[in-house]
Amino acid sequence: QQPAATVPCGFTASGRPVAMQIVAAKFADALVLRAARAFERIQPFRLPTID
């Protein structure tokens, strides 16, 4: 019932992916999307470097 989005945040030292989940009140879908977009703007997702 509650809108949610999962946003990638980066990787651990061992290369495992880390994500943040944003959850809002019922019918607050736009708020979730705005929050996810704002986070992605200030913290762009980068692929890990591969050796």
C-alpha atoms as a PDB file:
ATOM      1  CA  GLN A   1       0.000   0.000   0.000  1.00  0.00           C
ATOM      2  CA  GLN A   2       2.889   2.393   0.620  1.00  0.00           C
ATOM      3  CA  PRO A   3       4.931   3.655  -2.330  1.00  0.00           C
ATOM      4  CA  ALA A   4       8.623   2.809  -2.242  1.00  0.00           C
ATOM      5  CA  ALA A   5      11.731   3.053  -4.399  1.00  0.00           C
ATOM      6  CA  THR A   6      15.147   1.466  -4.103  1.00  0.00           C
ATOM      7  CA  VAL A   7      18.074   3.616  -5.179  1.00  0.00           C
ATOM      8  CA  PRO A   8      21.610   2.256  -5.691  1.00  0.00           C
ATOM      9  CA  CYS A   9      24.137   3.995  -3.426  1.00  0.00           C
ATOM     10  CA  GLY A  10      27.426   2.342  -4.280  1.00  0.00           C
ATOM     11  CA  PHE A  11      29.478  -0.672  -3.312  1.00  0.00           C
ATOM     12  CA  THR A  12      31.105  -2.096  -0.203  1.00  0.00           C
ATOM     13  CA  ALA A  13      34.867  -2.548   0.016  1.00  0.00           C
ATOM     14  CA  SER A  14      34.368  -6.126  -1.187  1.00  0.00           C
ATOM     15  CA  GLY A  15      32.341  -5.008  -4.218  1.00  0.00           C
ATOM     16  CA  ARG A  16      28.843  -5.852  -2.989  1.00  0.00           C
ATOM     17  CA  PRO A  17      26.084  -3.432  -4.061  1.00  0.00           C
ATOM     18  CA  VAL A  18      24.471  -1.149  -1.487  1.00  0.00           C
ATOM     19  CA  ALA A  19      21.082   0.526  -1.906  1.00  0.00           C
ATOM     20  CA  MET A  20      18.761   2.867  -0.043  1.00  0.00           C
ATOM     21  CA  GLN A  21      15.023   2.294   0.174  1.00  0.00           C
ATOM     22  CA  ILE A  22      12.719   5.317   0.238  1.00  0.00           C
ATOM     23  CA  VAL A  23       9.209   4.733   1.618  1.00  0.00           C
ATOM     24  CA  ALA A  24       6.406   7.271   1.995  1.00  0.00           C
ATOM     25  CA  ALA A  25       2.823   7.423   3.166  1.00  0.00           C
ATOM     26  CA  LYS A  26      -0.008   5.935   1.147  1.00  0.00           C
ATOM     27  CA  PHE A  27      -0.640   7.837  -2.102  1.00  0.00           C
ATOM     28  CA  ALA A  28       2.607   9.834  -1.777  1.00  0.00           C
ATOM     29  CA  ASP A  29       4.115   8.305  -4.915  1.00  0.00           C
ATOM     30  CA  ALA A  30       5.302  11.665  -6.239  1.00  0.00           C
ATOM     31  CA  LEU A  31       7.196  12.332  -3.003  1.00  0.00           C
ATOM     32  CA  VAL A  32       9.070   9.031  -3.321  1.00  0.00           C
ATOM     33  CA  LEU A  33      10.015   9.769  -6.918  1.00  0.00           C
ATOM     34  CA  ARG A  34      11.154  13.316  -6.085  1.00  0.00           C
ATOM     35  CA  ALA A  35      13.291  12.045  -3.205  1.00  0.00           C
ATOM     36  CA  ALA A  36      14.865   9.329  -5.370  1.00  0.00           C
ATOM     37  CA  ARG A  37      15.586  11.815  -8.145  1.00  0.00           C
ATOM     38  CA  ALA A  38      17.081  14.326  -5.700  1.00  0.00           C
ATOM     39  CA  PHE A  39      19.399  11.669  -4.265  1.00  0.00           C
ATOM     40  CA  GLU A  40      20.501  10.548  -7.732  1.00  0.00           C
ATOM     41  CA  ARG A  41      21.283  14.155  -8.675  1.00  0.00           C
ATOM     42  CA  ILE A  42      23.586  14.738  -5.714  1.00  0.00           C
ATOM     43  CA  GLN A  43      25.031  11.206  -5.671  1.00  0.00           C
ATOM     44  CA  PRO A  44      25.186   9.845  -9.243  1.00  0.00           C
ATOM     45  CA  PHE A  45      25.514   6.079  -9.510  1.00  0.00           C
ATOM     46  CA  ARG A  46      28.924   4.891 -10.671  1.00  0.00           C
ATOM     47  CA  LEU A  47      29.801   1.430 -11.864  1.00  0.00           C
ATOM     48  CA  PRO A  48      32.562  -0.316  -9.917  1.00  0.00           C
ATOM     49  CA  THR A  49      36.043  -0.445 -11.363  1.00  0.00           C
ATOM     50  CA  ILE A  50      36.973  -3.912 -12.545  1.00  0.00           C
ATOM     51  CA  ASP A  51      40.536  -5.134 -12.165  1.00  0.00           C
END
